[in-house]
Amino acid sequence: MLPWLIEILLFAVLIVAALVALNLRNLLAAVVTLNIFSFMSAAIMVKLGAIDVAFTEAVVGAGAVGVINILAILLTSRKSAD
């Protein structure tokens, strides 16, 4: 199997996740899609040999930031005060 095929597939999923996240109207779905983007970034970094950077991206980028964004969305009201 071609060694660069996995990288091309990871980059394709990365681009699709970014475009989907930009076009979603539901904020919770957009945050989940951005978490997928972050995990794909970590997978690309693992493939390129940067294990420590990938681990940091997975923990901080997808883990902590994703949880904080989801909590912020759930704590805000969807109706205006007017």
C-alpha atoms as a PDB file:
ATOM      1  CA  MET A   1       0.000   0.000   0.000  1.00  0.00           C
ATOM      2  CA  LEU A   2       1.212   3.488  -0.741  1.00  0.00           C
ATOM      3  CA  PRO A   3       2.697   5.136   2.371  1.00  0.00           C
ATOM      4  CA  TRP A   4       1.246   8.559   1.594  1.00  0.00           C
ATOM      5  CA  LEU A   5      -2.303   7.302   1.093  1.00  0.00           C
ATOM      6  CA  ILE A   6      -3.053   7.426   4.827  1.00  0.00           C
ATOM      7  CA  GLU A   7      -1.836  11.019   4.994  1.00  0.00           C
ATOM      8  CA  ILE A   8      -4.022  12.025   2.059  1.00  0.00           C
ATOM      9  CA  LEU A   9      -7.052  10.405   3.687  1.00  0.00           C
ATOM     10  CA  LEU A  10      -6.344  12.161   6.999  1.00  0.00           C
ATOM     11  CA  PHE A  11      -5.963  15.517   5.238  1.00  0.00           C
ATOM     12  CA  ALA A  12      -9.218  14.919   3.327  1.00  0.00           C
ATOM     13  CA  VAL A  13     -11.111  14.197   6.550  1.00  0.00           C
ATOM     14  CA  LEU A  14      -9.487  17.281   8.098  1.00  0.00           C
ATOM     15  CA  ILE A  15     -10.654  19.541   5.259  1.00  0.00           C
ATOM     16  CA  VAL A  16     -14.154  18.046   5.216  1.00  0.00           C
ATOM     17  CA  ALA A  17     -14.493  18.470   8.998  1.00  0.00           C
ATOM     18  CA  ALA A  18     -13.435  22.120   8.745  1.00  0.00           C
ATOM     19  CA  LEU A  19     -15.886  22.874   5.943  1.00  0.00           C
ATOM     20  CA  VAL A  20     -18.737  21.082   7.699  1.00  0.00           C
ATOM     21  CA  ALA A  21     -18.037  22.938  10.963  1.00  0.00           C
ATOM     22  CA  LEU A  22     -18.136  26.271   9.148  1.00  0.00           C
ATOM     23  CA  ASN A  23     -21.474  25.525   7.500  1.00  0.00           C
ATOM     24  CA  LEU A  24     -23.376  24.079  10.468  1.00  0.00           C
ATOM     25  CA  ARG A  25     -26.093  26.158  12.106  1.00  0.00           C
ATOM     26  CA  ASN A  26     -26.265  24.036  15.270  1.00  0.00           C
ATOM     27  CA  LEU A  27     -23.511  25.167  17.640  1.00  0.00           C
ATOM     28  CA  LEU A  28     -23.260  21.855  19.471  1.00  0.00           C
ATOM     29  CA  ALA A  29     -22.775  19.966  16.219  1.00  0.00           C
ATOM     30  CA  ALA A  30     -20.157  22.521  15.152  1.00  0.00           C
ATOM     31  CA  VAL A  31     -18.196  21.969  18.378  1.00  0.00           C
ATOM     32  CA  VAL A  32     -18.302  18.197  17.899  1.00  0.00           C
ATOM     33  CA  THR A  33     -17.086  18.634  14.326  1.00  0.00           C
ATOM     34  CA  LEU A  34     -14.252  20.863  15.527  1.00  0.00           C
ATOM     35  CA  ASN A  35     -13.313  18.122  18.001  1.00  0.00           C
ATOM     36  CA  ILE A  36     -13.109  15.730  15.056  1.00  0.00           C
ATOM     37  CA  PHE A  37     -10.904  18.299  13.317  1.00  0.00           C
ATOM     38  CA  SER A  38      -8.635  18.420  16.354  1.00  0.00           C
ATOM     39  CA  PHE A  39      -8.363  14.632  16.561  1.00  0.00           C
ATOM     40  CA  MET A  40      -7.534  14.449  12.859  1.00  0.00           C
ATOM     41  CA  SER A  41      -4.821  17.063  13.403  1.00  0.00           C
ATOM     42  CA  ALA A  42      -3.427  14.878  16.181  1.00  0.00           C
ATOM     43  CA  ALA A  43      -3.555  11.813  13.915  1.00  0.00           C
ATOM     44  CA  ILE A  44      -1.631  13.667  11.208  1.00  0.00           C
ATOM     45  CA  MET A  45       0.978  14.685  13.770  1.00  0.00           C
ATOM     46  CA  VAL A  46       1.323  11.055  14.890  1.00  0.00           C
ATOM     47  CA  LYS A  47       1.780   9.989  11.274  1.00  0.00           C
ATOM     48  CA  LEU A  48       4.473  12.632  10.842  1.00  0.00           C
ATOM     49  CA  GLY A  49       6.280  11.444  13.978  1.00  0.00           C
ATOM     50  CA  ALA A  50       5.467  14.236  16.433  1.00  0.00           C
ATOM     51  CA  ILE A  51       3.931  12.073  19.163  1.00  0.00           C
ATOM     52  CA  ASP A  52       4.285  14.610  21.981  1.00  0.00           C
ATOM     53  CA  VAL A  53       2.701  17.408  19.959  1.00  0.00           C
ATOM     54  CA  ALA A  54      -0.114  15.072  18.897  1.00  0.00           C
ATOM     55  CA  PHE A  55      -0.775  14.082  22.503  1.00  0.00           C
ATOM     56  CA  THR A  56      -0.935  17.741  23.541  1.00  0.00           C
ATOM     57  CA  GLU A  57      -3.278  18.541  20.654  1.00  0.00           C
ATOM     58  CA  ALA A  58      -5.569  15.657  21.551  1.00  0.00           C
ATOM     59  CA  VAL A  59      -5.688  16.516  25.257  1.00  0.00           C
ATOM     60  CA  VAL A  60      -5.915  20.291  25.013  1.00  0.00           C
ATOM     61  CA  GLY A  61      -7.415  20.900  21.580  1.00  0.00           C
ATOM     62  CA  ALA A  62     -10.044  18.199  21.482  1.00  0.00           C
ATOM     63  CA  GLY A  63     -10.416  17.370  25.157  1.00  0.00           C
ATOM     64  CA  ALA A  64     -10.329  20.489  27.288  1.00  0.00           C
ATOM     65  CA  VAL A  65     -11.400  23.063  24.702  1.00  0.00           C
ATOM     66  CA  GLY A  66     -14.188  20.814  23.436  1.00  0.00           C
ATOM     67  CA  VAL A  67     -15.584  20.278  26.935  1.00  0.00           C
ATOM     68  CA  ILE A  68     -15.371  23.991  27.748  1.00  0.00           C
ATOM     69  CA  ASN A  69     -17.150  24.914  24.495  1.00  0.00           C
ATOM     70  CA  ILE A  70     -19.895  22.349  25.074  1.00  0.00           C
ATOM     71  CA  LEU A  71     -20.415  23.570  28.640  1.00  0.00           C
ATOM     72  CA  ALA A  72     -20.553  27.181  27.446  1.00  0.00           C
ATOM     73  CA  ILE A  73     -23.177  26.310  24.838  1.00  0.00           C
ATOM     74  CA  LEU A  74     -25.265  24.354  27.334  1.00  0.00           C
ATOM     75  CA  LEU A  75     -25.128  27.146  29.947  1.00  0.00           C
ATOM     76  CA  THR A  76     -26.319  29.885  27.584  1.00  0.00           C
ATOM     77  CA  SER A  77     -29.965  30.425  26.781  1.00  0.00           C
ATOM     78  CA  ARG A  78     -31.186  30.295  23.208  1.00  0.00           C
ATOM     79  CA  LYS A  79     -33.844  32.957  23.688  1.00  0.00           C
ATOM     80  CA  SER A  80     -33.131  36.664  23.708  1.00  0.00           C
ATOM     81  CA  ALA A  81     -33.948  38.801  26.730  1.00  0.00           C
ATOM     82  CA  ASP A  82     -36.043  41.245  24.669  1.00  0.00           C
END
